[in-house]
PDB file of N, CA and C in Angstrom:
ATOM      1  N   MET A   1     -19.721   6.438  28.947  1.00  0.00           N
ATOM      2  CA  MET A   1     -19.931   7.702  27.952  1.00  0.00           C
ATOM      3  C   MET A   1     -20.905   7.319  26.817  1.00  0.00           C
ATOM      4  N   PRO A   2     -21.741   8.507  26.414  1.00  0.00           N
ATOM      5  CA  PRO A   2     -22.688   8.153  25.461  1.00  0.00           C
ATOM      6  C   PRO A   2     -22.274   7.816  24.179  1.00  0.00           C
ATOM      7  N   ASN A   3     -23.035   6.960  23.401  1.00  0.00           N
ATOM      8  CA  ASN A   3     -22.752   6.456  22.155  1.00  0.00           C
ATOM      9  C   ASN A   3     -23.656   7.322  21.207  1.00  0.00           C
ATOM     10  N   TYR A   4     -23.153   7.594  19.821  1.00  0.00           N
ATOM     11  CA  TYR A   4     -23.711   8.245  18.904  1.00  0.00           C
ATOM     12  C   TYR A   4     -23.732   7.675  17.474  1.00  0.00           C
ATOM     13  N   ALA A   5     -24.935   7.467  16.872  1.00  0.00           N
ATOM     14  CA  ALA A   5     -24.691   7.105  15.321  1.00  0.00           C
ATOM     15  C   ALA A   5     -24.471   8.406  14.429  1.00  0.00           C
ATOM     16  N   LEU A   6     -23.575   8.383  13.757  1.00  0.00           N
ATOM     17  CA  LEU A   6     -22.848   9.415  13.055  1.00  0.00           C
ATOM     18  C   LEU A   6     -23.072   9.171  11.615  1.00  0.00           C
ATOM     19  N   ILE A   7     -23.607   9.967  10.767  1.00  0.00           N
ATOM     20  CA  ILE A   7     -23.546   9.992   9.240  1.00  0.00           C
ATOM     21  C   ILE A   7     -22.715  10.844   8.872  1.00  0.00           C
ATOM     22  N   LEU A   8     -22.003  10.382   7.932  1.00  0.00           N
ATOM     23  CA  LEU A   8     -20.975  11.444   7.115  1.00  0.00           C
ATOM     24  C   LEU A   8     -21.305  11.551   5.749  1.00  0.00           C
ATOM     25  N   VAL A   9     -21.266  12.523   4.817  1.00  0.00           N
ATOM     26  CA  VAL A   9     -21.561  12.538   3.662  1.00  0.00           C
ATOM     27  C   VAL A   9     -20.696  13.347   2.871  1.00  0.00           C
ATOM     28  N   HIS A  10     -20.705  12.988   1.410  1.00  0.00           N
ATOM     29  CA  HIS A  10     -20.002  13.766   0.677  1.00  0.00           C
ATOM     30  C   HIS A  10     -19.925  15.000   0.910  1.00  0.00           C
ATOM     31  N   GLY A  11     -18.829  16.058   0.822  1.00  0.00           N
ATOM     32  CA  GLY A  11     -19.024  17.311   0.777  1.00  0.00           C
ATOM     33  C   GLY A  11     -18.953  17.943  -0.717  1.00  0.00           C
ATOM     34  N   PRO A  12     -19.026  19.420  -0.779  1.00  0.00           N
ATOM     35  CA  PRO A  12     -19.050  20.050  -1.891  1.00  0.00           C
ATOM     36  C   PRO A  12     -17.725  19.865  -2.939  1.00  0.00           C
ATOM     37  N   HIS A  13     -16.665  19.588  -2.514  1.00  0.00           N
ATOM     38  CA  HIS A  13     -15.527  19.241  -3.175  1.00  0.00           C
ATOM     39  C   HIS A  13     -15.324  17.772  -3.447  1.00  0.00           C
ATOM     40  N   TRP A  14     -16.203  16.688  -3.142  1.00  0.00           N
ATOM     41  CA  TRP A  14     -15.960  15.492  -3.710  1.00  0.00           C
ATOM     42  C   TRP A  14     -16.083  15.236  -4.791  1.00  0.00           C
ATOM     43  N   ASP A  15     -14.967  14.535  -5.452  1.00  0.00           N
ATOM     44  CA  ASP A  15     -14.745  14.351  -6.874  1.00  0.00           C
ATOM     45  C   ASP A  15     -15.425  13.009  -7.218  1.00  0.00           C
ATOM     46  N   HIS A  16     -16.680  13.194  -7.901  1.00  0.00           N
ATOM     47  CA  HIS A  16     -17.795  12.151  -7.847  1.00  0.00           C
ATOM     48  C   HIS A  16     -17.087  10.995  -8.919  1.00  0.00           C
ATOM     49  N   PRO A  17     -16.414  11.314 -10.029  1.00  0.00           N
ATOM     50  CA  PRO A  17     -15.790  10.058 -10.957  1.00  0.00           C
ATOM     51  C   PRO A  17     -14.942   9.453 -10.233  1.00  0.00           C
ATOM     52  N   ARG A  18     -14.430   9.805  -9.169  1.00  0.00           N
ATOM     53  CA  ARG A  18     -12.998   9.149  -8.498  1.00  0.00           C
ATOM     54  C   ARG A  18     -13.633   8.174  -7.446  1.00  0.00           C
ATOM     55  N   GLU A  19     -12.949   6.813  -7.345  1.00  0.00           N
ATOM     56  CA  GLU A  19     -13.445   6.024  -6.285  1.00  0.00           C
ATOM     57  C   GLU A  19     -12.852   6.602  -4.942  1.00  0.00           C
ATOM     58  N   ILE A  20     -13.454   6.062  -3.748  1.00  0.00           N
ATOM     59  CA  ILE A  20     -12.996   6.688  -2.391  1.00  0.00           C
ATOM     60  C   ILE A  20     -11.398   6.675  -2.240  1.00  0.00           C
ATOM     61  N   ARG A  21     -10.821   5.788  -2.648  1.00  0.00           N
ATOM     62  CA  ARG A  21      -9.278   5.643  -2.351  1.00  0.00           C
ATOM     63  C   ARG A  21      -8.497   6.413  -3.480  1.00  0.00           C
ATOM     64  N   GLN A  22      -9.281   7.045  -4.288  1.00  0.00           N
ATOM     65  CA  GLN A  22      -8.652   7.783  -5.484  1.00  0.00           C
ATOM     66  C   GLN A  22      -8.769   9.417  -4.929  1.00  0.00           C
ATOM     67  N   GLN A  23      -9.479   9.625  -4.004  1.00  0.00           N
ATOM     68  CA  GLN A  23     -10.031  11.261  -3.372  1.00  0.00           C
ATOM     69  C   GLN A  23      -8.891  11.717  -3.124  1.00  0.00           C
ATOM     70  N   GLN A  24      -8.433  12.857  -3.112  1.00  0.00           N
ATOM     71  CA  GLN A  24      -7.307  13.638  -2.640  1.00  0.00           C
ATOM     72  C   GLN A  24      -7.053  13.264  -1.186  1.00  0.00           C
ATOM     73  N   GLN A  25      -5.941  13.583  -0.775  1.00  0.00           N
ATOM     74  CA  GLN A  25      -5.706  13.234   0.783  1.00  0.00           C
ATOM     75  C   GLN A  25      -6.262  11.811   1.248  1.00  0.00           C
ATOM     76  N   TRP A  26      -6.393  10.819   0.402  1.00  0.00           N
ATOM     77  CA  TRP A  26      -6.971   9.521   1.097  1.00  0.00           C
ATOM     78  C   TRP A  26      -6.106   9.052   2.176  1.00  0.00           C
ATOM     79  N   SER A  27      -4.710   8.997   2.050  1.00  0.00           N
ATOM     80  CA  SER A  27      -3.977   8.611   3.038  1.00  0.00           C
ATOM     81  C   SER A  27      -3.819   9.349   4.266  1.00  0.00           C
ATOM     82  N   GLU A  28      -4.051  10.758   4.199  1.00  0.00           N
ATOM     83  CA  GLU A  28      -4.154  11.338   5.448  1.00  0.00           C
ATOM     84  C   GLU A  28      -5.533  11.267   6.346  1.00  0.00           C
ATOM     85  N   HIS A  29      -6.659  11.176   5.137  1.00  0.00           N
ATOM     86  CA  HIS A  29      -7.926  10.917   5.907  1.00  0.00           C
ATOM     87  C   HIS A  29      -8.019   9.492   6.828  1.00  0.00           C
ATOM     88  N   ALA A  30      -7.331   8.568   5.812  1.00  0.00           N
ATOM     89  CA  ALA A  30      -7.395   7.153   6.438  1.00  0.00           C
ATOM     90  C   ALA A  30      -6.598   7.105   7.469  1.00  0.00           C
ATOM     91  N   LYS A  31      -5.672   7.836   8.036  1.00  0.00           N
ATOM     92  CA  LYS A  31      -4.686   7.760   8.940  1.00  0.00           C
ATOM     93  C   LYS A  31      -5.367   8.500  10.296  1.00  0.00           C
ATOM     94  N   PHE A  32      -6.152   9.563   9.951  1.00  0.00           N
ATOM     95  CA  PHE A  32      -7.058  10.219  10.733  1.00  0.00           C
ATOM     96  C   PHE A  32      -8.042   9.399  11.391  1.00  0.00           C
ATOM     97  N   MET A  33      -8.836   8.742  10.323  1.00  0.00           N
ATOM     98  CA  MET A  33      -9.780   7.771  11.030  1.00  0.00           C
ATOM     99  C   MET A  33      -9.226   6.640  11.834  1.00  0.00           C
ATOM    100  N   ASP A  34      -8.129   5.996  11.500  1.00  0.00           N
ATOM    101  CA  ASP A  34      -7.299   5.003  12.160  1.00  0.00           C
ATOM    102  C   ASP A  34      -7.199   5.389  13.503  1.00  0.00           C
ATOM    103  N   ASP A  35      -6.575   6.559  13.704  1.00  0.00           N
ATOM    104  CA  ASP A  35      -6.570   7.253  14.854  1.00  0.00           C
ATOM    105  C   ASP A  35      -7.559   7.549  15.840  1.00  0.00           C
ATOM    106  N   LEU A  36      -8.760   7.799  15.310  1.00  0.00           N
ATOM    107  CA  LEU A  36     -10.173   7.894  16.224  1.00  0.00           C
ATOM    108  C   LEU A  36     -10.437   6.499  16.453  1.00  0.00           C
ATOM    109  N   VAL A  37     -10.219   5.475  15.894  1.00  0.00           N
ATOM    110  CA  VAL A  37     -10.336   4.154  16.333  1.00  0.00           C
ATOM    111  C   VAL A  37      -9.601   3.643  17.281  1.00  0.00           C
ATOM    112  N   ALA A  38      -8.144   4.079  17.266  1.00  0.00           N
ATOM    113  CA  ALA A  38      -7.275   3.802  18.221  1.00  0.00           C
ATOM    114  C   ALA A  38      -7.523   4.613  19.599  1.00  0.00           C
ATOM    115  N   ASP A  39      -7.973   5.678  19.261  1.00  0.00           N
ATOM    116  CA  ASP A  39      -8.361   6.597  20.674  1.00  0.00           C
ATOM    117  C   ASP A  39      -9.578   6.113  21.451  1.00  0.00           C
ATOM    118  N   GLY A  40     -10.280   5.153  20.659  1.00  0.00           N
ATOM    119  CA  GLY A  40     -11.521   4.483  21.195  1.00  0.00           C
ATOM    120  C   GLY A  40     -12.770   5.499  21.060  1.00  0.00           C
ATOM    121  N   PHE A  41     -12.462   6.564  20.156  1.00  0.00           N
ATOM    122  CA  PHE A  41     -13.625   7.463  19.933  1.00  0.00           C
ATOM    123  C   PHE A  41     -14.642   6.692  18.855  1.00  0.00           C
ATOM    124  N   LEU A  42     -14.026   6.444  17.862  1.00  0.00           N
ATOM    125  CA  LEU A  42     -14.726   5.694  16.755  1.00  0.00           C
ATOM    126  C   LEU A  42     -14.836   4.303  16.902  1.00  0.00           C
ATOM    127  N   LEU A  43     -16.019   3.636  17.071  1.00  0.00           N
ATOM    128  CA  LEU A  43     -16.004   2.154  17.474  1.00  0.00           C
ATOM    129  C   LEU A  43     -16.110   1.189  16.376  1.00  0.00           C
ATOM    130  N   LEU A  44     -17.188   1.843  15.262  1.00  0.00           N
ATOM    131  CA  LEU A  44     -17.284   0.863  14.408  1.00  0.00           C
ATOM    132  C   LEU A  44     -17.957   1.913  13.304  1.00  0.00           C
ATOM    133  N   GLY A  45     -17.800   1.742  11.816  1.00  0.00           N
ATOM    134  CA  GLY A  45     -17.788   2.441  10.759  1.00  0.00           C
ATOM    135  C   GLY A  45     -17.518   1.759   9.448  1.00  0.00           C
ATOM    136  N   GLY A  46     -18.201   2.500   8.425  1.00  0.00           N
ATOM    137  CA  GLY A  46     -18.137   2.250   7.071  1.00  0.00           C
ATOM    138  C   GLY A  46     -18.989   2.699   6.201  1.00  0.00           C
ATOM    139  N   PRO A  47     -18.694   2.382   4.652  1.00  0.00           N
ATOM    140  CA  PRO A  47     -19.581   3.057   3.916  1.00  0.00           C
ATOM    141  C   PRO A  47     -21.134   2.100   3.753  1.00  0.00           C
ATOM    142  N   LEU A  48     -22.225   3.118   3.593  1.00  0.00           N
ATOM    143  CA  LEU A  48     -23.316   2.546   3.273  1.00  0.00           C
ATOM    144  C   LEU A  48     -23.728   2.392   1.739  1.00  0.00           C
ATOM    145  N   ARG A  49     -24.229   1.217   1.197  1.00  0.00           N
ATOM    146  CA  ARG A  49     -24.771   1.104  -0.213  1.00  0.00           C
ATOM    147  C   ARG A  49     -23.580   1.621  -1.024  1.00  0.00           C
ATOM    148  N   ASP A  50     -24.010   2.662  -1.737  1.00  0.00           N
ATOM    149  CA  ASP A  50     -22.947   3.278  -2.860  1.00  0.00           C
ATOM    150  C   ASP A  50     -21.799   4.158  -2.414  1.00  0.00           C
ATOM    151  N   GLY A  51     -21.878   4.126  -1.070  1.00  0.00           N
ATOM    152  CA  GLY A  51     -20.514   5.063  -0.540  1.00  0.00           C
ATOM    153  C   GLY A  51     -20.935   6.254  -0.429  1.00  0.00           C
ATOM    154  N   ALA A  52     -21.950   6.979  -0.666  1.00  0.00           N
ATOM    155  CA  ALA A  52     -22.138   8.300  -0.557  1.00  0.00           C
ATOM    156  C   ALA A  52     -22.513   8.956   0.914  1.00  0.00           C
ATOM    157  N   ARG A  53     -22.664   7.768   1.601  1.00  0.00           N
ATOM    158  CA  ARG A  53     -22.957   8.052   3.201  1.00  0.00           C
ATOM    159  C   ARG A  53     -22.166   7.082   3.749  1.00  0.00           C
ATOM    160  N   THR A  54     -21.481   7.378   4.949  1.00  0.00           N
ATOM    161  CA  THR A  54     -20.753   6.442   6.145  1.00  0.00           C
ATOM    162  C   THR A  54     -21.735   6.399   7.346  1.00  0.00           C
ATOM    163  N   LEU A  55     -21.978   5.518   7.805  1.00  0.00           N
ATOM    164  CA  LEU A  55     -22.263   5.228   9.088  1.00  0.00           C
ATOM    165  C   LEU A  55     -21.135   4.778  10.403  1.00  0.00           C
ATOM    166  N   HIS A  56     -21.198   5.264  11.285  1.00  0.00           N
ATOM    167  CA  HIS A  56     -20.055   5.513  12.460  1.00  0.00           C
ATOM    168  C   HIS A  56     -20.915   5.233  13.721  1.00  0.00           C
ATOM    169  N   VAL A  57     -20.334   4.486  14.587  1.00  0.00           N
ATOM    170  CA  VAL A  57     -20.797   4.403  16.031  1.00  0.00           C
ATOM    171  C   VAL A  57     -19.521   5.213  16.771  1.00  0.00           C
ATOM    172  N   VAL A  58     -20.025   6.233  17.369  1.00  0.00           N
ATOM    173  CA  VAL A  58     -18.712   7.085  17.964  1.00  0.00           C
ATOM    174  C   VAL A  58     -19.145   7.008  19.610  1.00  0.00           C
ATOM    175  N   GLU A  59     -18.214   7.097  20.415  1.00  0.00           N
ATOM    176  CA  GLU A  59     -18.407   7.368  21.864  1.00  0.00           C
ATOM    177  C   GLU A  59     -17.950   8.547  22.123  1.00  0.00           C
ATOM    178  N   ALA A  60     -18.706   9.506  22.591  1.00  0.00           N
ATOM    179  CA  ALA A  60     -18.356  10.987  23.083  1.00  0.00           C
ATOM    180  C   ALA A  60     -18.952  11.495  24.166  1.00  0.00           C
ATOM    181  N   ALA A  61     -18.641  12.558  24.519  1.00  0.00           N
ATOM    182  CA  ALA A  61     -19.237  13.147  25.798  1.00  0.00           C
ATOM    183  C   ALA A  61     -20.615  13.719  25.280  1.00  0.00           C
ATOM    184  N   ASP A  62     -20.426  14.540  23.909  1.00  0.00           N
ATOM    185  CA  ASP A  62     -21.558  15.321  23.446  1.00  0.00           C
ATOM    186  C   ASP A  62     -21.343  15.179  22.010  1.00  0.00           C
ATOM    187  N   GLU A  63     -22.362  15.901  21.418  1.00  0.00           N
ATOM    188  CA  GLU A  63     -22.309  16.065  19.835  1.00  0.00           C
ATOM    189  C   GLU A  63     -21.262  17.297  19.885  1.00  0.00           C
ATOM    190  N   GLY A  64     -20.921  18.293  20.388  1.00  0.00           N
ATOM    191  CA  GLY A  64     -19.980  19.240  20.325  1.00  0.00           C
ATOM    192  C   GLY A  64     -18.558  18.575  20.283  1.00  0.00           C
ATOM    193  N   GLU A  65     -18.269  17.784  21.065  1.00  0.00           N
ATOM    194  CA  GLU A  65     -16.928  16.687  20.981  1.00  0.00           C
ATOM    195  C   GLU A  65     -16.949  16.048  19.640  1.00  0.00           C
ATOM    196  N   ILE A  66     -17.907  15.596  19.149  1.00  0.00           N
ATOM    197  CA  ILE A  66     -17.807  14.940  17.633  1.00  0.00           C
ATOM    198  C   ILE A  66     -17.615  16.032  16.711  1.00  0.00           C
ATOM    199  N   ARG A  67     -18.300  17.145  16.733  1.00  0.00           N
ATOM    200  CA  ARG A  67     -17.884  17.907  15.480  1.00  0.00           C
ATOM    201  C   ARG A  67     -16.946  18.337  15.623  1.00  0.00           C
ATOM    202  N   ARG A  68     -16.258  18.839  17.066  1.00  0.00           N
ATOM    203  CA  ARG A  68     -14.796  19.292  17.093  1.00  0.00           C
ATOM    204  C   ARG A  68     -13.867  18.515  16.537  1.00  0.00           C
ATOM    205  N   ARG A  69     -13.797  16.917  16.935  1.00  0.00           N
ATOM    206  CA  ARG A  69     -12.726  16.305  16.558  1.00  0.00           C
ATOM    207  C   ARG A  69     -12.936  15.897  14.971  1.00  0.00           C
ATOM    208  N   LEU A  70     -14.191  15.694  14.315  1.00  0.00           N
ATOM    209  CA  LEU A  70     -14.314  15.528  12.956  1.00  0.00           C
ATOM    210  C   LEU A  70     -13.736  16.843  12.006  1.00  0.00           C
ATOM    211  N   ALA A  71     -14.001  18.073  12.719  1.00  0.00           N
ATOM    212  CA  ALA A  71     -13.474  19.220  12.001  1.00  0.00           C
ATOM    213  C   ALA A  71     -11.834  19.104  11.738  1.00  0.00           C
ATOM    214  N   GLU A  72     -11.295  18.317  12.308  1.00  0.00           N
ATOM    215  CA  GLU A  72      -9.772  17.983  12.262  1.00  0.00           C
ATOM    216  C   GLU A  72      -9.381  16.985  11.090  1.00  0.00           C
ATOM    217  N   ASP A  73     -10.395  16.330  10.606  1.00  0.00           N
ATOM    218  CA  ASP A  73     -10.019  15.455   9.433  1.00  0.00           C
ATOM    219  C   ASP A  73      -9.637  16.348   8.314  1.00  0.00           C
ATOM    220  N   PRO A  74      -8.790  15.878   7.547  1.00  0.00           N
ATOM    221  CA  PRO A  74      -8.154  16.670   6.444  1.00  0.00           C
ATOM    222  C   PRO A  74      -9.215  16.868   5.456  1.00  0.00           C
ATOM    223  N   TRP A  75     -10.140  15.860   5.218  1.00  0.00           N
ATOM    224  CA  TRP A  75     -11.487  15.716   4.324  1.00  0.00           C
ATOM    225  C   TRP A  75     -12.296  16.756   4.639  1.00  0.00           C
ATOM    226  N   ALA A  76     -12.603  17.093   5.767  1.00  0.00           N
ATOM    227  CA  ALA A  76     -13.422  18.053   6.437  1.00  0.00           C
ATOM    228  C   ALA A  76     -12.976  19.253   5.940  1.00  0.00           C
ATOM    229  N   GLU A  77     -11.616  19.548   6.311  1.00  0.00           N
ATOM    230  CA  GLU A  77     -10.995  20.886   6.127  1.00  0.00           C
ATOM    231  C   GLU A  77     -11.060  21.301   4.491  1.00  0.00           C
ATOM    232  N   THR A  78     -10.862  20.455   3.788  1.00  0.00           N
ATOM    233  CA  THR A  78     -10.868  20.365   2.252  1.00  0.00           C
ATOM    234  C   THR A  78     -12.055  20.243   1.693  1.00  0.00           C
ATOM    235  N   GLY A  79     -13.379  20.288   2.470  1.00  0.00           N
ATOM    236  CA  GLY A  79     -14.827  20.009   1.958  1.00  0.00           C
ATOM    237  C   GLY A  79     -15.099  18.748   1.108  1.00  0.00           C
ATOM    238  N   LEU A  80     -14.369  17.656   1.397  1.00  0.00           N
ATOM    239  CA  LEU A  80     -14.732  16.596   0.726  1.00  0.00           C
ATOM    240  C   LEU A  80     -15.730  15.570   1.448  1.00  0.00           C
ATOM    241  N   LEU A  81     -15.718  15.819   2.836  1.00  0.00           N
ATOM    242  CA  LEU A  81     -16.756  14.982   3.877  1.00  0.00           C
ATOM    243  C   LEU A  81     -17.252  16.004   4.706  1.00  0.00           C
ATOM    244  N   GLU A  82     -18.527  15.867   5.022  1.00  0.00           N
ATOM    245  CA  GLU A  82     -19.112  16.535   6.242  1.00  0.00           C
ATOM    246  C   GLU A  82     -20.221  15.738   6.956  1.00  0.00           C
ATOM    247  N   VAL A  83     -20.644  16.400   8.059  1.00  0.00           N
ATOM    248  CA  VAL A  83     -21.554  15.790   9.130  1.00  0.00           C
ATOM    249  C   VAL A  83     -22.845  15.715   8.168  1.00  0.00           C
ATOM    250  N   GLY A  84     -23.495  14.599   8.155  1.00  0.00           N
ATOM    251  CA  GLY A  84     -24.724  14.620   7.776  1.00  0.00           C
ATOM    252  C   GLY A  84     -25.729  14.520   8.632  1.00  0.00           C
ATOM    253  N   SER A  85     -25.603  13.828   9.950  1.00  0.00           N
ATOM    254  CA  SER A  85     -26.419  13.712  11.014  1.00  0.00           C
ATOM    255  C   SER A  85     -25.597  13.219  12.250  1.00  0.00           C
ATOM    256  N   ILE A  86     -26.110  13.491  13.357  1.00  0.00           N
ATOM    257  CA  ILE A  86     -25.695  12.973  14.631  1.00  0.00           C
ATOM    258  C   ILE A  86     -26.639  12.700  15.606  1.00  0.00           C
ATOM    259  N   GLU A  87     -26.899  11.452  15.866  1.00  0.00           N
ATOM    260  CA  GLU A  87     -27.946  11.001  16.802  1.00  0.00           C
ATOM    261  C   GLU A  87     -27.546  10.246  17.917  1.00  0.00           C
ATOM    262  N   PRO A  88     -28.128  10.539  18.929  1.00  0.00           N
ATOM    263  CA  PRO A  88     -27.830   9.746  20.325  1.00  0.00           C
ATOM    264  C   PRO A  88     -28.336   8.232  20.185  1.00  0.00           C
ATOM    265  N   TRP A  89     -27.474   7.501  20.574  1.00  0.00           N
ATOM    266  CA  TRP A  89     -27.839   6.105  20.281  1.00  0.00           C
ATOM    267  C   TRP A  89     -27.817   5.117  21.658  1.00  0.00           C
ATOM    268  N   ALA A  90     -28.793   4.634  22.137  1.00  0.00           N
ATOM    269  CA  ALA A  90     -28.746   3.690  23.579  1.00  0.00           C
ATOM    270  C   ALA A  90     -28.449   2.357  22.845  1.00  0.00           C
ATOM    271  N   LEU A  91     -27.096   2.195  23.091  1.00  0.00           N
ATOM    272  CA  LEU A  91     -26.840   0.928  22.532  1.00  0.00           C
ATOM    273  C   LEU A  91     -26.950  -0.276  23.624  1.00  0.00           C
ATOM    274  N   TRP A  92     -28.256  -0.964  23.737  1.00  0.00           N
ATOM    275  CA  TRP A  92     -28.730  -1.864  24.756  1.00  0.00           C
ATOM    276  C   TRP A  92     -28.084  -3.250  24.403  1.00  0.00           C
ATOM    277  N   LEU A  93     -28.016  -3.508  23.167  1.00  0.00           N
ATOM    278  CA  LEU A  93     -27.239  -4.839  22.705  1.00  0.00           C
ATOM    279  C   LEU A  93     -25.938  -4.623  22.214  1.00  0.00           C
ATOM    280  N   ASP A  94     -24.809  -5.094  23.053  1.00  0.00           N
ATOM    281  CA  ASP A  94     -23.347  -4.672  22.629  1.00  0.00           C
ATOM    282  C   ASP A  94     -22.577  -5.844  23.253  1.00  0.00           C
ATOM    283  N   PHE A  95     -22.129  -6.560  21.906  1.00  0.00           N
ATOM    284  CA  PHE A  95     -21.219  -7.711  22.347  1.00  0.00           C
ATOM    285  C   PHE A  95     -20.130  -7.437  23.254  1.00  0.00           C
ATOM    286  N   ARG A  96     -19.626  -6.179  23.230  1.00  0.00           N
ATOM    287  CA  ARG A  96     -18.389  -5.981  23.979  1.00  0.00           C
ATOM    288  C   ARG A  96     -18.887  -6.258  25.517  1.00  0.00           C
ATOM    289  N   THR A  97     -19.823  -6.134  25.676  1.00  0.00           N
ATOM    290  CA  THR A  97     -20.201  -6.236  27.298  1.00  0.00           C
ATOM    291  C   THR A  97     -20.447  -7.603  27.615  1.00  0.00           C
ATOM    292  N   LEU A  98     -20.229  -8.602  26.613  1.00  0.00           N
ATOM    293  CA  LEU A  98     -20.299 -10.095  27.115  1.00  0.00           C
ATOM    294  C   LEU A  98     -18.909 -10.560  27.842  1.00  0.00           C
ATOM    295  N   PRO A  99     -18.976 -11.621  28.511  1.00  0.00           N
ATOM    296  CA  PRO A  99     -17.674 -12.380  28.655  1.00  0.00           C
ATOM    297  C   PRO A  99     -17.044 -12.964  27.466  1.00  0.00           C
ATOM    298  N   HIS A 100     -15.751 -12.848  27.150  1.00  0.00           N
ATOM    299  CA  HIS A 100     -15.118 -13.588  25.964  1.00  0.00           C
ATOM    300  C   HIS A 100     -14.284 -14.721  26.427  1.00  0.00           C
ATOM    301  N   GLY A 101     -14.106 -15.445  25.586  1.00  0.00           N
ATOM    302  CA  GLY A 101     -13.091 -16.691  26.085  1.00  0.00           C
ATOM    303  C   GLY A 101     -13.555 -17.560  27.012  1.00  0.00           C
ATOM    304  N   SER A 102     -14.759 -17.366  27.593  1.00  0.00           N
ATOM    305  CA  SER A 102     -15.531 -18.592  28.287  1.00  0.00           C
ATOM    306  C   SER A 102     -15.746 -19.732  27.716  1.00  0.00           C
TER     307      SER A 102
END
């Protein structure tokens, strides 16, 4: 299945004076993201620099699947977070393909 580099950015309702874990619906958003990891959809991810953007590596059939799944995020629904960009990414170097425990 193809991989993508996904950048998420703060949406129009982001409360800038608050830290990320103090934003409304933090617990619901965190559970949503954890579930994406458990599903094997979200492979890696986290904030860049000051946290205004996050970089994620996702595995999905296409860009439409990514947008559909992210639209279910409580933060997307309330305008706290939105897609900044989605780029196909050929992961030629991937530790997951190496034999482990040898």
